[in-house]
Amino acid sequence: MSKNYSEEQERLARFAKAMGHPARMAILQFLASQESCYFGDIHEELPIAKATVSQHLKELKEAGLIQGEIETPKVKYCINRENWEEAGRLFARFFGQPVCKKESCCR
């Protein structure tokens, strides 16, 4: 039996998966505070190998949270504002929904 999820649930899960690592959260926070950023700048900010930074950037880009453009010989990254705002709305709606208030519910 296949389970059908709403498009909103799929998008929210994709954003959550991409944000599911502390290094990716650090990258997003760094990029959110910049106009744009080159790969080398990101690598200098994080205490991890360049290859690992590249993998995290790839995951964030595939989720649509960041975008990159090649300015030979460098790659410039920035927040994808449209998807950033969508993620904010989806998470706000998700965490803003009412929670069970029954006494028998877990606390």
PDB file of N, CA and C in Angstrom:
ATOM      1  N   MET A   1       0.854  -1.180   0.000  1.00  0.00           N
ATOM      2  CA  MET A   1       0.000   0.000   0.000  1.00  0.00           C
ATOM      3  C   MET A   1       0.895   1.236   0.000  1.00  0.00           C
ATOM      4  N   SER A   2       0.677   2.117  -0.954  1.00  0.00           N
ATOM      5  CA  SER A   2       1.509   3.317  -1.009  1.00  0.00           C
ATOM      6  C   SER A   2       0.832   4.448  -0.250  1.00  0.00           C
ATOM      7  N   LYS A   3       1.646   5.241   0.398  1.00  0.00           N
ATOM      8  CA  LYS A   3       1.169   6.367   1.187  1.00  0.00           C
ATOM      9  C   LYS A   3       1.408   7.636   0.383  1.00  0.00           C
ATOM     10  N   ASN A   4       0.375   8.423   0.185  1.00  0.00           N
ATOM     11  CA  ASN A   4       0.525   9.678  -0.540  1.00  0.00           C
ATOM     12  C   ASN A   4       0.658  10.822   0.459  1.00  0.00           C
ATOM     13  N   TYR A   5       1.709  11.589   0.300  1.00  0.00           N
ATOM     14  CA  TYR A   5       1.937  12.746   1.149  1.00  0.00           C
ATOM     15  C   TYR A   5       1.611  13.996   0.358  1.00  0.00           C
ATOM     16  N   SER A   6       1.206  15.041   1.057  1.00  0.00           N
ATOM     17  CA  SER A   6       0.885  16.287   0.363  1.00  0.00           C
ATOM     18  C   SER A   6       2.176  16.919  -0.154  1.00  0.00           C
ATOM     19  N   GLU A   7       2.038  17.775  -1.123  1.00  0.00           N
ATOM     20  CA  GLU A   7       3.201  18.491  -1.663  1.00  0.00           C
ATOM     21  C   GLU A   7       3.869  19.308  -0.563  1.00  0.00           C
ATOM     22  N   GLU A   8       3.060  19.886   0.320  1.00  0.00           N
ATOM     23  CA  GLU A   8       3.609  20.663   1.440  1.00  0.00           C
ATOM     24  C   GLU A   8       4.437  19.778   2.370  1.00  0.00           C
ATOM     25  N   GLN A   9       3.943  18.586   2.662  1.00  0.00           N
ATOM     26  CA  GLN A   9       4.697  17.654   3.516  1.00  0.00           C
ATOM     27  C   GLN A   9       6.007  17.247   2.850  1.00  0.00           C
ATOM     28  N   GLU A  10       5.968  17.016   1.547  1.00  0.00           N
ATOM     29  CA  GLU A  10       7.183  16.651   0.805  1.00  0.00           C
ATOM     30  C   GLU A  10       8.203  17.786   0.852  1.00  0.00           C
ATOM     31  N   ARG A  11       7.758  19.024   0.618  1.00  0.00           N
ATOM     32  CA  ARG A  11       8.670  20.175   0.624  1.00  0.00           C
ATOM     33  C   ARG A  11       9.258  20.388   2.024  1.00  0.00           C
ATOM     34  N   LEU A  12       8.412  20.319   3.029  1.00  0.00           N
ATOM     35  CA  LEU A  12       8.866  20.512   4.407  1.00  0.00           C
ATOM     36  C   LEU A  12       9.901  19.460   4.784  1.00  0.00           C
ATOM     37  N   ALA A  13       9.646  18.208   4.416  1.00  0.00           N
ATOM     38  CA  ALA A  13      10.589  17.125   4.716  1.00  0.00           C
ATOM     39  C   ALA A  13      11.915  17.332   3.987  1.00  0.00           C
ATOM     40  N   ARG A  14      11.858  17.815   2.753  1.00  0.00           N
ATOM     41  CA  ARG A  14      13.094  18.043   1.988  1.00  0.00           C
ATOM     42  C   ARG A  14      13.927  19.148   2.631  1.00  0.00           C
ATOM     43  N   PHE A  15      13.274  20.239   3.025  1.00  0.00           N
ATOM     44  CA  PHE A  15      13.990  21.320   3.704  1.00  0.00           C
ATOM     45  C   PHE A  15      14.571  20.814   5.028  1.00  0.00           C
ATOM     46  N   ALA A  16      13.764  20.060   5.782  1.00  0.00           N
ATOM     47  CA  ALA A  16      14.225  19.549   7.081  1.00  0.00           C
ATOM     48  C   ALA A  16      15.422  18.617   6.915  1.00  0.00           C
ATOM     49  N   LYS A  17      15.379  17.756   5.900  1.00  0.00           N
ATOM     50  CA  LYS A  17      16.503  16.847   5.656  1.00  0.00           C
ATOM     51  C   LYS A  17      17.770  17.630   5.337  1.00  0.00           C
ATOM     52  N   ALA A  18      17.634  18.638   4.487  1.00  0.00           N
ATOM     53  CA  ALA A  18      18.802  19.438   4.111  1.00  0.00           C
ATOM     54  C   ALA A  18      19.365  20.191   5.310  1.00  0.00           C
ATOM     55  N   MET A  19      18.515  20.555   6.245  1.00  0.00           N
ATOM     56  CA  MET A  19      18.950  21.309   7.421  1.00  0.00           C
ATOM     57  C   MET A  19      19.339  20.395   8.578  1.00  0.00           C
ATOM     58  N   GLY A  20      19.330  19.080   8.335  1.00  0.00           N
ATOM     59  CA  GLY A  20      19.520  18.108   9.403  1.00  0.00           C
ATOM     60  C   GLY A  20      20.957  17.843   9.822  1.00  0.00           C
ATOM     61  N   HIS A  21      21.861  18.736   9.548  1.00  0.00           N
ATOM     62  CA  HIS A  21      23.254  18.561   9.981  1.00  0.00           C
ATOM     63  C   HIS A  21      23.760  19.913  10.490  1.00  0.00           C
ATOM     64  N   PRO A  22      24.470  19.925  11.622  1.00  0.00           N
ATOM     65  CA  PRO A  22      24.952  21.200  12.182  1.00  0.00           C
ATOM     66  C   PRO A  22      25.825  22.008  11.214  1.00  0.00           C
ATOM     67  N   ALA A  23      26.612  21.324  10.384  1.00  0.00           N
ATOM     68  CA  ALA A  23      27.457  22.052   9.426  1.00  0.00           C
ATOM     69  C   ALA A  23      26.593  22.788   8.407  1.00  0.00           C
ATOM     70  N   ARG A  24      25.499  22.180   7.993  1.00  0.00           N
ATOM     71  CA  ARG A  24      24.611  22.839   7.033  1.00  0.00           C
ATOM     72  C   ARG A  24      23.920  24.025   7.676  1.00  0.00           C
ATOM     73  N   MET A  25      23.573  23.887   8.931  1.00  0.00           N
ATOM     74  CA  MET A  25      22.970  25.026   9.644  1.00  0.00           C
ATOM     75  C   MET A  25      23.984  26.166   9.750  1.00  0.00           C
ATOM     76  N   ALA A  26      25.236  25.826  10.012  1.00  0.00           N
ATOM     77  CA  ALA A  26      26.287  26.845  10.088  1.00  0.00           C
ATOM     78  C   ALA A  26      26.466  27.532   8.729  1.00  0.00           C
ATOM     79  N   ILE A  27      26.436  26.747   7.658  1.00  0.00           N
ATOM     80  CA  ILE A  27      26.563  27.314   6.309  1.00  0.00           C
ATOM     81  C   ILE A  27      25.394  28.265   6.042  1.00  0.00           C
ATOM     82  N   LEU A  28      24.180  27.834   6.351  1.00  0.00           N
ATOM     83  CA  LEU A  28      23.007  28.675   6.120  1.00  0.00           C
ATOM     84  C   LEU A  28      23.075  29.963   6.929  1.00  0.00           C
ATOM     85  N   GLN A  29      23.474  29.864   8.189  1.00  0.00           N
ATOM     86  CA  GLN A  29      23.590  31.069   9.020  1.00  0.00           C
ATOM     87  C   GLN A  29      24.645  32.005   8.458  1.00  0.00           C
ATOM     88  N   PHE A  30      25.761  31.454   8.026  1.00  0.00           N
ATOM     89  CA  PHE A  30      26.828  32.264   7.449  1.00  0.00           C
ATOM     90  C   PHE A  30      26.343  32.958   6.181  1.00  0.00           C
ATOM     91  N   LEU A  31      25.721  32.193   5.279  1.00  0.00           N
ATOM     92  CA  LEU A  31      25.251  32.776   4.019  1.00  0.00           C
ATOM     93  C   LEU A  31      24.144  33.799   4.237  1.00  0.00           C
ATOM     94  N   ALA A  32      23.284  33.559   5.222  1.00  0.00           N
ATOM     95  CA  ALA A  32      22.194  34.502   5.500  1.00  0.00           C
ATOM     96  C   ALA A  32      22.729  35.859   5.955  1.00  0.00           C
ATOM     97  N   SER A  33      23.931  35.874   6.501  1.00  0.00           N
ATOM     98  CA  SER A  33      24.510  37.136   6.982  1.00  0.00           C
ATOM     99  C   SER A  33      25.364  37.831   5.917  1.00  0.00           C
ATOM    100  N   GLN A  34      25.460  37.232   4.727  1.00  0.00           N
ATOM    101  CA  GLN A  34      26.309  37.761   3.653  1.00  0.00           C
ATOM    102  C   GLN A  34      25.447  38.152   2.453  1.00  0.00           C
ATOM    103  N   GLU A  35      25.974  39.042   1.611  1.00  0.00           N
ATOM    104  CA  GLU A  35      25.336  39.330   0.323  1.00  0.00           C
ATOM    105  C   GLU A  35      25.495  38.118  -0.584  1.00  0.00           C
ATOM    106  N   SER A  36      26.695  37.629  -0.689  1.00  0.00           N
ATOM    107  CA  SER A  36      27.016  36.408  -1.409  1.00  0.00           C
ATOM    108  C   SER A  36      28.346  35.935  -0.850  1.00  0.00           C
ATOM    109  N   CYS A  37      28.734  34.755  -1.219  1.00  0.00           N
ATOM    110  CA  CYS A  37      29.922  34.192  -0.616  1.00  0.00           C
ATOM    111  C   CYS A  37      30.583  33.217  -1.574  1.00  0.00           C
ATOM    112  N   TYR A  38      31.900  33.211  -1.567  1.00  0.00           N
ATOM    113  CA  TYR A  38      32.641  32.269  -2.386  1.00  0.00           C
ATOM    114  C   TYR A  38      32.952  31.027  -1.563  1.00  0.00           C
ATOM    115  N   PHE A  39      33.084  29.914  -2.263  1.00  0.00           N
ATOM    116  CA  PHE A  39      33.339  28.631  -1.610  1.00  0.00           C
ATOM    117  C   PHE A  39      34.465  28.731  -0.585  1.00  0.00           C
ATOM    118  N   GLY A  40      35.557  29.388  -0.948  1.00  0.00           N
ATOM    119  CA  GLY A  40      36.702  29.509  -0.044  1.00  0.00           C
ATOM    120  C   GLY A  40      36.348  30.215   1.249  1.00  0.00           C
ATOM    121  N   ASP A  41      35.455  31.212   1.177  1.00  0.00           N
ATOM    122  CA  ASP A  41      35.022  31.923   2.381  1.00  0.00           C
ATOM    123  C   ASP A  41      34.273  30.986   3.320  1.00  0.00           C
ATOM    124  N   ILE A  42      33.430  30.145   2.743  1.00  0.00           N
ATOM    125  CA  ILE A  42      32.660  29.192   3.548  1.00  0.00           C
ATOM    126  C   ILE A  42      33.600  28.185   4.200  1.00  0.00           C
ATOM    127  N   HIS A  43      34.531  27.676   3.404  1.00  0.00           N
ATOM    128  CA  HIS A  43      35.483  26.694   3.920  1.00  0.00           C
ATOM    129  C   HIS A  43      36.297  27.271   5.078  1.00  0.00           C
ATOM    130  N   GLU A  44      36.667  28.537   4.993  1.00  0.00           N
ATOM    131  CA  GLU A  44      37.447  29.171   6.065  1.00  0.00           C
ATOM    132  C   GLU A  44      36.634  29.333   7.345  1.00  0.00           C
ATOM    133  N   GLU A  45      35.314  29.413   7.223  1.00  0.00           N
ATOM    134  CA  GLU A  45      34.436  29.588   8.382  1.00  0.00           C
ATOM    135  C   GLU A  45      34.189  28.290   9.148  1.00  0.00           C
ATOM    136  N   LEU A  46      34.291  27.161   8.459  1.00  0.00           N
ATOM    137  CA  LEU A  46      33.937  25.882   9.065  1.00  0.00           C
ATOM    138  C   LEU A  46      35.170  25.011   9.295  1.00  0.00           C
ATOM    139  N   PRO A  47      35.200  24.318  10.406  1.00  0.00           N
ATOM    140  CA  PRO A  47      36.350  23.460  10.727  1.00  0.00           C
ATOM    141  C   PRO A  47      36.248  22.069  10.098  1.00  0.00           C
ATOM    142  N   ILE A  48      35.905  22.017   8.807  1.00  0.00           N
ATOM    143  CA  ILE A  48      35.786  20.726   8.134  1.00  0.00           C
ATOM    144  C   ILE A  48      36.484  20.779   6.780  1.00  0.00           C
ATOM    145  N   ALA A  49      36.763  19.612   6.233  1.00  0.00           N
ATOM    146  CA  ALA A  49      37.485  19.506   4.963  1.00  0.00           C
ATOM    147  C   ALA A  49      36.688  20.110   3.804  1.00  0.00           C
ATOM    148  N   LYS A  50      37.415  20.587   2.791  1.00  0.00           N
ATOM    149  CA  LYS A  50      36.773  21.184   1.616  1.00  0.00           C
ATOM    150  C   LYS A  50      35.790  20.232   0.956  1.00  0.00           C
ATOM    151  N   ALA A  51      36.157  18.963   0.849  1.00  0.00           N
ATOM    152  CA  ALA A  51      35.267  17.985   0.213  1.00  0.00           C
ATOM    153  C   ALA A  51      33.959  17.849   0.997  1.00  0.00           C
ATOM    154  N   THR A  52      34.060  17.927   2.313  1.00  0.00           N
ATOM    155  CA  THR A  52      32.870  17.822   3.157  1.00  0.00           C
ATOM    156  C   THR A  52      31.992  19.057   2.995  1.00  0.00           C
ATOM    157  N   VAL A  53      32.614  20.233   2.930  1.00  0.00           N
ATOM    158  CA  VAL A  53      31.856  21.466   2.688  1.00  0.00           C
ATOM    159  C   VAL A  53      31.122  21.352   1.357  1.00  0.00           C
ATOM    160  N   SER A  54      31.805  20.838   0.344  1.00  0.00           N
ATOM    161  CA  SER A  54      31.187  20.679  -0.977  1.00  0.00           C
ATOM    162  C   SER A  54      29.951  19.784  -0.913  1.00  0.00           C
ATOM    163  N   GLN A  55      30.033  18.697  -0.167  1.00  0.00           N
ATOM    164  CA  GLN A  55      28.894  17.786  -0.035  1.00  0.00           C
ATOM    165  C   GLN A  55      27.715  18.482   0.645  1.00  0.00           C
ATOM    166  N   HIS A  56      28.002  19.255   1.687  1.00  0.00           N
ATOM    167  CA  HIS A  56      26.940  19.972   2.395  1.00  0.00           C
ATOM    168  C   HIS A  56      26.317  21.029   1.485  1.00  0.00           C
ATOM    169  N   LEU A  57      27.144  21.732   0.726  1.00  0.00           N
ATOM    170  CA  LEU A  57      26.630  22.736  -0.216  1.00  0.00           C
ATOM    171  C   LEU A  57      25.750  22.074  -1.272  1.00  0.00           C
ATOM    172  N   LYS A  58      26.150  20.916  -1.735  1.00  0.00           N
ATOM    173  CA  LYS A  58      25.371  20.178  -2.739  1.00  0.00           C
ATOM    174  C   LYS A  58      23.987  19.834  -2.185  1.00  0.00           C
ATOM    175  N   GLU A  59      23.935  19.350  -0.960  1.00  0.00           N
ATOM    176  CA  GLU A  59      22.662  18.980  -0.330  1.00  0.00           C
ATOM    177  C   GLU A  59      21.759  20.209  -0.174  1.00  0.00           C
ATOM    178  N   LEU A  60      22.322  21.321   0.268  1.00  0.00           N
ATOM    179  CA  LEU A  60      21.543  22.546   0.436  1.00  0.00           C
ATOM    180  C   LEU A  60      21.053  23.085  -0.906  1.00  0.00           C
ATOM    181  N   LYS A  61      21.902  22.964  -1.921  1.00  0.00           N
ATOM    182  CA  LYS A  61      21.527  23.440  -3.256  1.00  0.00           C
ATOM    183  C   LYS A  61      20.426  22.566  -3.845  1.00  0.00           C
ATOM    184  N   GLU A  62      20.532  21.248  -3.690  1.00  0.00           N
ATOM    185  CA  GLU A  62      19.510  20.337  -4.208  1.00  0.00           C
ATOM    186  C   GLU A  62      18.158  20.570  -3.534  1.00  0.00           C
ATOM    187  N   ALA A  63      18.171  20.967  -2.279  1.00  0.00           N
ATOM    188  CA  ALA A  63      16.924  21.272  -1.569  1.00  0.00           C
ATOM    189  C   ALA A  63      16.383  22.636  -1.964  1.00  0.00           C
ATOM    190  N   GLY A  64      17.201  23.428  -2.649  1.00  0.00           N
ATOM    191  CA  GLY A  64      16.767  24.747  -3.099  1.00  0.00           C
ATOM    192  C   GLY A  64      16.968  25.857  -2.092  1.00  0.00           C
ATOM    193  N   LEU A  65      17.645  25.568  -0.973  1.00  0.00           N
ATOM    194  CA  LEU A  65      17.848  26.605   0.043  1.00  0.00           C
ATOM    195  C   LEU A  65      18.950  27.586  -0.337  1.00  0.00           C
ATOM    196  N   ILE A  66      19.889  27.145  -1.156  1.00  0.00           N
ATOM    197  CA  ILE A  66      20.939  28.037  -1.632  1.00  0.00           C
ATOM    198  C   ILE A  66      21.039  27.916  -3.142  1.00  0.00           C
ATOM    199  N   GLN A  67      21.720  28.877  -3.737  1.00  0.00           N
ATOM    200  CA  GLN A  67      21.996  28.810  -5.166  1.00  0.00           C
ATOM    201  C   GLN A  67      23.442  29.217  -5.367  1.00  0.00           C
ATOM    202  N   GLY A  68      24.002  28.756  -6.451  1.00  0.00           N
ATOM    203  CA  GLY A  68      25.395  29.053  -6.742  1.00  0.00           C
ATOM    204  C   GLY A  68      25.559  29.400  -8.201  1.00  0.00           C
ATOM    205  N   GLU A  69      26.501  30.268  -8.459  1.00  0.00           N
ATOM    206  CA  GLU A  69      26.830  30.583  -9.842  1.00  0.00           C
ATOM    207  C   GLU A  69      28.341  30.577 -10.000  1.00  0.00           C
ATOM    208  N   ILE A  70      28.771  30.101 -11.132  1.00  0.00           N
ATOM    209  CA  ILE A  70      30.201  29.991 -11.389  1.00  0.00           C
ATOM    210  C   ILE A  70      30.719  31.318 -11.907  1.00  0.00           C
ATOM    211  N   GLU A  71      31.714  31.828 -11.213  1.00  0.00           N
ATOM    212  CA  GLU A  71      32.454  33.011 -11.657  1.00  0.00           C
ATOM    213  C   GLU A  71      33.896  32.547 -11.735  1.00  0.00           C
ATOM    214  N   THR A  72      34.244  31.981 -12.884  1.00  0.00           N
ATOM    215  CA  THR A  72      35.545  31.332 -13.067  1.00  0.00           C
ATOM    216  C   THR A  72      36.659  32.162 -12.443  1.00  0.00           C
ATOM    217  N   PRO A  73      37.508  31.567 -11.625  1.00  0.00           N
ATOM    218  CA  PRO A  73      37.592  30.143 -11.290  1.00  0.00           C
ATOM    219  C   PRO A  73      36.840  29.783 -10.016  1.00  0.00           C
ATOM    220  N   LYS A  74      35.971  30.648  -9.522  1.00  0.00           N
ATOM    221  CA  LYS A  74      35.301  30.409  -8.242  1.00  0.00           C
ATOM    222  C   LYS A  74      33.809  30.139  -8.416  1.00  0.00           C
ATOM    223  N   VAL A  75      33.208  29.626  -7.365  1.00  0.00           N
ATOM    224  CA  VAL A  75      31.759  29.457  -7.325  1.00  0.00           C
ATOM    225  C   VAL A  75      31.230  30.335  -6.193  1.00  0.00           C
ATOM    226  N   LYS A  76      30.237  31.141  -6.516  1.00  0.00           N
ATOM    227  CA  LYS A  76      29.646  32.064  -5.552  1.00  0.00           C
ATOM    228  C   LYS A  76      28.306  31.494  -5.092  1.00  0.00           C
ATOM    229  N   TYR A  77      28.079  31.466  -3.785  1.00  0.00           N
ATOM    230  CA  TYR A  77      26.841  30.935  -3.222  1.00  0.00           C
ATOM    231  C   TYR A  77      26.078  32.030  -2.498  1.00  0.00           C
ATOM    232  N   CYS A  78      24.764  31.889  -2.477  1.00  0.00           N
ATOM    233  CA  CYS A  78      23.918  32.774  -1.689  1.00  0.00           C
ATOM    234  C   CYS A  78      22.621  32.041  -1.355  1.00  0.00           C
ATOM    235  N   ILE A  79      21.874  32.613  -0.427  1.00  0.00           N
ATOM    236  CA  ILE A  79      20.581  32.061  -0.041  1.00  0.00           C
ATOM    237  C   ILE A  79      19.612  32.232  -1.213  1.00  0.00           C
ATOM    238  N   ASN A  80      18.827  31.197  -1.488  1.00  0.00           N
ATOM    239  CA  ASN A  80      17.753  31.307  -2.469  1.00  0.00           C
ATOM    240  C   ASN A  80      16.582  31.920  -1.712  1.00  0.00           C
ATOM    241  N   ARG A  81      16.381  33.209  -1.882  1.00  0.00           N
ATOM    242  CA  ARG A  81      15.408  33.953  -1.062  1.00  0.00           C
ATOM    243  C   ARG A  81      13.985  33.413  -1.160  1.00  0.00           C
ATOM    244  N   GLU A  82      13.555  33.051  -2.349  1.00  0.00           N
ATOM    245  CA  GLU A  82      12.185  32.551  -2.536  1.00  0.00           C
ATOM    246  C   GLU A  82      11.963  31.264  -1.736  1.00  0.00           C
ATOM    247  N   ASN A  83      12.891  30.321  -1.849  1.00  0.00           N
ATOM    248  CA  ASN A  83      12.752  29.060  -1.119  1.00  0.00           C
ATOM    249  C   ASN A  83      12.998  29.240   0.374  1.00  0.00           C
ATOM    250  N   TRP A  84      13.876  30.168   0.749  1.00  0.00           N
ATOM    251  CA  TRP A  84      14.129  30.481   2.155  1.00  0.00           C
ATOM    252  C   TRP A  84      12.826  30.951   2.812  1.00  0.00           C
ATOM    253  N   GLU A  85      12.125  31.852   2.113  1.00  0.00           N
ATOM    254  CA  GLU A  85      10.865  32.365   2.644  1.00  0.00           C
ATOM    255  C   GLU A  85       9.800  31.271   2.689  1.00  0.00           C
ATOM    256  N   GLU A  86       9.771  30.415   1.661  1.00  0.00           N
ATOM    257  CA  GLU A  86       8.824  29.305   1.654  1.00  0.00           C
ATOM    258  C   GLU A  86       9.101  28.365   2.828  1.00  0.00           C
ATOM    259  N   ALA A  87      10.368  28.037   3.054  1.00  0.00           N
ATOM    260  CA  ALA A  87      10.729  27.164   4.176  1.00  0.00           C
ATOM    261  C   ALA A  87      10.280  27.796   5.491  1.00  0.00           C
ATOM    262  N   GLY A  88      10.483  29.091   5.635  1.00  0.00           N
ATOM    263  CA  GLY A  88      10.051  29.790   6.844  1.00  0.00           C
ATOM    264  C   GLY A  88       8.551  29.683   7.063  1.00  0.00           C
ATOM    265  N   ARG A  89       7.779  29.865   5.989  1.00  0.00           N
ATOM    266  CA  ARG A  89       6.318  29.755   6.088  1.00  0.00           C
ATOM    267  C   ARG A  89       5.891  28.324   6.437  1.00  0.00           C
ATOM    268  N   LEU A  90       6.520  27.335   5.766  1.00  0.00           N
ATOM    269  CA  LEU A  90       6.154  25.940   6.021  1.00  0.00           C
ATOM    270  C   LEU A  90       6.464  25.523   7.457  1.00  0.00           C
ATOM    271  N   PHE A  91       7.650  25.889   7.944  1.00  0.00           N
ATOM    272  CA  PHE A  91       8.012  25.529   9.319  1.00  0.00           C
ATOM    273  C   PHE A  91       7.140  26.275  10.325  1.00  0.00           C
ATOM    274  N   ALA A  92       6.833  27.544  10.053  1.00  0.00           N
ATOM    275  CA  ALA A  92       5.971  28.312  10.965  1.00  0.00           C
ATOM    276  C   ALA A  92       4.581  27.693  11.032  1.00  0.00           C
ATOM    277  N   ARG A  93       4.052  27.295   9.880  1.00  0.00           N
ATOM    278  CA  ARG A  93       2.724  26.674   9.849  1.00  0.00           C
ATOM    279  C   ARG A  93       2.765  25.321  10.576  1.00  0.00           C
ATOM    280  N   PHE A  94       3.818  24.552  10.338  1.00  0.00           N
ATOM    281  CA  PHE A  94       3.946  23.244  10.976  1.00  0.00           C
ATOM    282  C   PHE A  94       4.042  23.371  12.496  1.00  0.00           C
ATOM    283  N   PHE A  95       4.944  24.227  12.974  1.00  0.00           N
ATOM    284  CA  PHE A  95       5.136  24.358  14.419  1.00  0.00           C
ATOM    285  C   PHE A  95       4.055  25.210  15.073  1.00  0.00           C
ATOM    286  N   GLY A  96       3.268  25.916  14.271  1.00  0.00           N
ATOM    287  CA  GLY A  96       2.191  26.744  14.799  1.00  0.00           C
ATOM    288  C   GLY A  96       0.867  26.006  14.946  1.00  0.00           C
ATOM    289  N   GLN A  97       0.815  24.754  14.483  1.00  0.00           N
ATOM    290  CA  GLN A  97      -0.448  24.023  14.576  1.00  0.00           C
ATOM    291  C   GLN A  97      -0.730  23.639  16.021  1.00  0.00           C
ATOM    292  N   PRO A  98      -2.006  23.519  16.368  1.00  0.00           N
ATOM    293  CA  PRO A  98      -2.368  23.167  17.745  1.00  0.00           C
ATOM    294  C   PRO A  98      -1.827  21.789  18.131  1.00  0.00           C
ATOM    295  N   VAL A  99      -1.446  21.660  19.374  1.00  0.00           N
ATOM    296  CA  VAL A  99      -0.939  20.400  19.902  1.00  0.00           C
ATOM    297  C   VAL A  99      -1.990  19.837  20.852  1.00  0.00           C
ATOM    298  N   CYS A 100      -2.086  18.530  20.910  1.00  0.00           N
ATOM    299  CA  CYS A 100      -3.055  17.856  21.777  1.00  0.00           C
ATOM    300  C   CYS A 100      -3.000  18.433  23.186  1.00  0.00           C
ATOM    301  N   LYS A 101      -4.149  18.802  23.705  1.00  0.00           N
ATOM    302  CA  LYS A 101      -4.185  19.393  25.036  1.00  0.00           C
ATOM    303  C   LYS A 101      -4.824  18.456  26.071  1.00  0.00           C
ATOM    304  N   LYS A 102      -5.114  17.218  25.668  1.00  0.00           N
ATOM    305  CA  LYS A 102      -5.729  16.253  26.583  1.00  0.00           C
ATOM    306  C   LYS A 102      -4.737  15.858  27.662  1.00  0.00           C
ATOM    307  N   GLU A 103      -5.253  15.584  28.837  1.00  0.00           N
ATOM    308  CA  GLU A 103      -4.414  15.171  29.963  1.00  0.00           C
ATOM    309  C   GLU A 103      -3.719  13.846  29.682  1.00  0.00           C
ATOM    310  N   SER A 104      -4.358  12.977  28.905  1.00  0.00           N
ATOM    311  CA  SER A 104      -3.771  11.664  28.622  1.00  0.00           C
ATOM    312  C   SER A 104      -2.658  11.733  27.584  1.00  0.00           C
ATOM    313  N   CYS A 105      -2.485  12.878  26.976  1.00  0.00           N
ATOM    314  CA  CYS A 105      -1.456  13.043  25.940  1.00  0.00           C
ATOM    315  C   CYS A 105      -0.068  13.137  26.598  1.00  0.00           C
ATOM    316  N   CYS A 106       0.933  12.742  25.884  1.00  0.00           N
ATOM    317  CA  CYS A 106       2.309  12.802  26.416  1.00  0.00           C
ATOM    318  C   CYS A 106       2.699  14.219  26.789  1.00  0.00           C
ATOM    319  N   ARG A 107       3.481  14.326  27.831  1.00  0.00           N
ATOM    320  CA  ARG A 107       3.994  15.638  28.226  1.00  0.00           C
ATOM    321  C   ARG A 107       5.468  15.543  28.416  1.00  0.00           C
TER     322      ARG A 107
END
